[in-house]
Every structure is written in structure tokens, then in C-alpha cells.
């Protein structure tokens, strides 16, 4: 990430979330089911926080939801090969509460406050 991108990311309000993007084989017409798992990121995990999962209807919906959350110049289509690999792809993103909610996260999901 460029220095300008790092400054922009660090100056955003909100908190950091670990977003795991992956796909699983699915029966029927669609060969894959695209999934985002989100949880707050903490340097020291004093509390176990379970990830919340959002399933996308297709790759187009995944692109439409994730791309606006990425730093300037990043594109989710550049990492589809990794998303479709067995381990998926991880992003560490600064998100507002509203942005995290787009991925299924609810602020009341945790009870321990700021990490």
C-alpha cells in the first residue's frame, strides 16, 4: 500500500476487522458459494470472538459489496484466485459500524468493548 493509502487507512474512524473471504463448492447452478467471515481484530486476543458470516448470492454481489471497503486502488477481482483456494483470502480493514454491518457484523455481537 502506498504511503498516502496508509495515511488514509490509519486516519479513518472505526475499528479494524479481520475479513476472511472464501468460497465453498455448492450444488445446483452455481459452482461456488462466496462467503465473508468478519470479526474484530485485536493484537492480543483476551476474549474469544466468533466470526459472523455473510453468504453472497454470486461473485457480482461479492465484488459490489467488498470493493467499496478496500483501500483506493485495490480491487477484489485481483485476488479471486486466492479466494477460491482452500485457505481463502484475508483482509485487515478499518471499517465503520455501517461498513461492518454490510458484512453481517453487529456491534452488539461483542460485550467486551474496545480492544
C-alpha atoms as a PDB file:
ATOM      1  CA  UNK A   1       0.000   0.000   0.000  1.00  0.00           C
ATOM      2  CA  UNK A   2       1.283   3.484  -0.774  1.00  0.00           C
ATOM      3  CA  UNK A   3       2.089   5.972   1.985  1.00  0.00           C
ATOM      4  CA  UNK A   4      -0.966   8.019   1.021  1.00  0.00           C
ATOM      5  CA  UNK A   5      -3.116   4.869   1.272  1.00  0.00           C
ATOM      6  CA  UNK A   6      -1.638   4.015   4.670  1.00  0.00           C
ATOM      7  CA  UNK A   7      -2.314   7.532   5.985  1.00  0.00           C
ATOM      8  CA  UNK A   8      -5.879   7.400   4.667  1.00  0.00           C
ATOM      9  CA  UNK A   9      -6.453   3.972   6.273  1.00  0.00           C
ATOM     10  CA  UNK A  10      -4.968   4.969   9.620  1.00  0.00           C
ATOM     11  CA  UNK A  11      -6.938   8.224   9.802  1.00  0.00           C
ATOM     12  CA  UNK A  12     -10.324   6.553   9.251  1.00  0.00           C
ATOM     13  CA  UNK A  13     -12.727   6.330  12.115  1.00  0.00           C
ATOM     14  CA  UNK A  14     -13.885   2.905  13.135  1.00  0.00           C
ATOM     15  CA  UNK A  15     -12.035  -0.178  14.152  1.00  0.00           C
ATOM     16  CA  UNK A  16     -10.059  -2.916  12.487  1.00  0.00           C
ATOM     17  CA  UNK A  17     -11.763  -6.082  11.376  1.00  0.00           C
ATOM     18  CA  UNK A  18     -10.325  -9.296  10.045  1.00  0.00           C
ATOM     19  CA  UNK A  19     -12.300 -10.255   6.945  1.00  0.00           C
ATOM     20  CA  UNK A  20     -11.854 -13.780   5.594  1.00  0.00           C
ATOM     21  CA  UNK A  21     -13.138 -14.235   2.034  1.00  0.00           C
ATOM     22  CA  UNK A  22     -13.571 -17.735   0.738  1.00  0.00           C
ATOM     23  CA  UNK A  23     -15.719 -19.893  -1.443  1.00  0.00           C
ATOM     24  CA  UNK A  24     -17.134 -23.334  -0.923  1.00  0.00           C
ATOM     25  CA  UNK A  25     -18.411 -25.767  -3.528  1.00  0.00           C
ATOM     26  CA  UNK A  26     -22.158 -25.686  -3.899  1.00  0.00           C
ATOM     27  CA  UNK A  27     -24.604 -27.892  -5.730  1.00  0.00           C
ATOM     28  CA  UNK A  28     -27.075 -26.630  -8.279  1.00  0.00           C
ATOM     29  CA  UNK A  29     -26.452 -23.988 -10.934  1.00  0.00           C
ATOM     30  CA  UNK A  30     -23.748 -22.057  -9.085  1.00  0.00           C
ATOM     31  CA  UNK A  31     -20.424 -23.919  -8.730  1.00  0.00           C
ATOM     32  CA  UNK A  32     -19.325 -21.842  -5.707  1.00  0.00           C
ATOM     33  CA  UNK A  33     -20.807 -20.123  -2.699  1.00  0.00           C
ATOM     34  CA  UNK A  34     -18.910 -16.928  -1.809  1.00  0.00           C
ATOM     35  CA  UNK A  35     -18.625 -16.149   1.902  1.00  0.00           C
ATOM     36  CA  UNK A  36     -17.238 -13.324   4.043  1.00  0.00           C
ATOM     37  CA  UNK A  37     -16.434 -14.016   7.688  1.00  0.00           C
ATOM     38  CA  UNK A  38     -15.820 -10.948   9.820  1.00  0.00           C
ATOM     39  CA  UNK A  39     -14.621 -10.402  13.373  1.00  0.00           C
ATOM     40  CA  UNK A  40     -12.882  -7.576  15.215  1.00  0.00           C
ATOM     41  CA  UNK A  41      -9.120  -7.726  15.064  1.00  0.00           C
ATOM     42  CA  UNK A  42      -7.090  -7.446  18.240  1.00  0.00           C
ATOM     43  CA  UNK A  43      -3.342  -7.664  18.745  1.00  0.00           C
ATOM     44  CA  UNK A  44      -3.928  -9.666  21.908  1.00  0.00           C
ATOM     45  CA  UNK A  45      -6.919 -11.985  21.919  1.00  0.00           C
ATOM     46  CA  UNK A  46      -8.024 -11.865  25.530  1.00  0.00           C
ATOM     47  CA  UNK A  47     -11.556 -12.829  24.536  1.00  0.00           C
ATOM     48  CA  UNK A  48     -12.720 -15.368  22.015  1.00  0.00           C
ATOM     49  CA  UNK A  49     -14.936 -13.631  19.471  1.00  0.00           C
ATOM     50  CA  UNK A  50     -16.667 -15.790  16.919  1.00  0.00           C
ATOM     51  CA  UNK A  51     -16.731 -14.603  13.338  1.00  0.00           C
ATOM     52  CA  UNK A  52     -20.023 -13.676  11.729  1.00  0.00           C
ATOM     53  CA  UNK A  53     -20.673 -14.999   8.253  1.00  0.00           C
ATOM     54  CA  UNK A  54     -22.350 -13.446   5.222  1.00  0.00           C
ATOM     55  CA  UNK A  55     -23.097 -15.519   2.140  1.00  0.00           C
ATOM     56  CA  UNK A  56     -23.217 -13.694  -1.189  1.00  0.00           C
ATOM     57  CA  UNK A  57     -25.623 -14.650  -3.953  1.00  0.00           C
ATOM     58  CA  UNK A  58     -22.805 -14.678  -6.535  1.00  0.00           C
ATOM     59  CA  UNK A  59     -19.403 -13.217  -7.388  1.00  0.00           C
ATOM     60  CA  UNK A  60     -21.002  -9.996  -8.686  1.00  0.00           C
ATOM     61  CA  UNK A  61     -22.568  -9.283  -5.280  1.00  0.00           C
ATOM     62  CA  UNK A  62     -19.239 -10.037  -3.567  1.00  0.00           C
ATOM     63  CA  UNK A  63     -17.471  -7.524  -5.824  1.00  0.00           C
ATOM     64  CA  UNK A  64     -20.175  -4.871  -5.332  1.00  0.00           C
ATOM     65  CA  UNK A  65     -20.044  -5.132  -1.522  1.00  0.00           C
ATOM     66  CA  UNK A  66     -16.306  -5.612  -0.923  1.00  0.00           C
ATOM     67  CA  UNK A  67     -14.701  -3.235  -3.453  1.00  0.00           C
ATOM     68  CA  UNK A  68     -16.000  -0.024  -1.795  1.00  0.00           C
ATOM     69  CA  UNK A  69     -14.499  -1.199   1.525  1.00  0.00           C
ATOM     70  CA  UNK A  70     -10.986  -1.657   0.135  1.00  0.00           C
ATOM     71  CA  UNK A  71      -8.230   0.975   0.058  1.00  0.00           C
ATOM     72  CA  UNK A  72      -8.022   3.167  -3.036  1.00  0.00           C
ATOM     73  CA  UNK A  73      -6.510   1.252  -5.954  1.00  0.00           C
ATOM     74  CA  UNK A  74      -7.394  -2.218  -4.618  1.00  0.00           C
ATOM     75  CA  UNK A  75      -9.796  -4.474  -6.476  1.00  0.00           C
ATOM     76  CA  UNK A  76     -11.262  -7.714  -5.174  1.00  0.00           C
ATOM     77  CA  UNK A  77     -11.033  -9.243  -8.665  1.00  0.00           C
ATOM     78  CA  UNK A  78      -7.227  -9.250  -8.319  1.00  0.00           C
ATOM     79  CA  UNK A  79      -7.416 -11.859  -5.529  1.00  0.00           C
ATOM     80  CA  UNK A  80     -10.175 -14.190  -6.772  1.00  0.00           C
ATOM     81  CA  UNK A  81      -7.612 -16.938  -7.335  1.00  0.00           C
ATOM     82  CA  UNK A  82      -6.765 -16.756  -3.630  1.00  0.00           C
ATOM     83  CA  UNK A  83     -10.396 -16.512  -2.520  1.00  0.00           C
ATOM     84  CA  UNK A  84     -11.147 -19.688  -4.463  1.00  0.00           C
ATOM     85  CA  UNK A  85      -8.149 -21.512  -2.963  1.00  0.00           C
ATOM     86  CA  UNK A  86      -8.714 -23.856   0.013  1.00  0.00           C
ATOM     87  CA  UNK A  87      -7.500 -21.285   2.582  1.00  0.00           C
ATOM     88  CA  UNK A  88      -9.301 -18.265   1.143  1.00  0.00           C
ATOM     89  CA  UNK A  89      -8.008 -14.694   1.433  1.00  0.00           C
ATOM     90  CA  UNK A  90      -7.717 -12.409   4.468  1.00  0.00           C
ATOM     91  CA  UNK A  91      -8.047  -8.627   4.659  1.00  0.00           C
ATOM     92  CA  UNK A  92      -7.378  -6.470   7.700  1.00  0.00           C
ATOM     93  CA  UNK A  93      -9.643  -3.453   7.159  1.00  0.00           C
ATOM     94  CA  UNK A  94     -10.591  -0.296   9.046  1.00  0.00           C
ATOM     95  CA  UNK A  95     -14.390  -0.224   8.884  1.00  0.00           C
ATOM     96  CA  UNK A  96     -17.111   1.950  10.330  1.00  0.00           C
ATOM     97  CA  UNK A  97     -20.001   0.242  12.117  1.00  0.00           C
ATOM     98  CA  UNK A  98     -22.133   0.660   8.998  1.00  0.00           C
ATOM     99  CA  UNK A  99     -19.494  -0.898   6.750  1.00  0.00           C
ATOM    100  CA  UNK A 100     -19.006  -3.831   9.119  1.00  0.00           C
ATOM    101  CA  UNK A 101     -22.781  -4.310   9.180  1.00  0.00           C
ATOM    102  CA  UNK A 102     -22.722  -4.753   5.382  1.00  0.00           C
ATOM    103  CA  UNK A 103     -20.666  -7.871   6.033  1.00  0.00           C
ATOM    104  CA  UNK A 104     -23.026  -9.123   8.733  1.00  0.00           C
ATOM    105  CA  UNK A 105     -21.305  -7.739  11.841  1.00  0.00           C
ATOM    106  CA  UNK A 106     -23.467  -6.273  14.593  1.00  0.00           C
ATOM    107  CA  UNK A 107     -21.870  -4.056  17.230  1.00  0.00           C
ATOM    108  CA  UNK A 108     -23.801  -5.795  19.993  1.00  0.00           C
ATOM    109  CA  UNK A 109     -22.193  -9.101  18.962  1.00  0.00           C
ATOM    110  CA  UNK A 110     -19.382  -8.408  21.433  1.00  0.00           C
ATOM    111  CA  UNK A 111     -19.741  -7.464  25.056  1.00  0.00           C
ATOM    112  CA  UNK A 112     -16.172  -6.552  25.933  1.00  0.00           C
ATOM    113  CA  UNK A 113     -15.895  -3.068  24.407  1.00  0.00           C
ATOM    114  CA  UNK A 114     -12.809  -1.740  22.669  1.00  0.00           C
ATOM    115  CA  UNK A 115      -9.805  -3.961  22.206  1.00  0.00           C
END
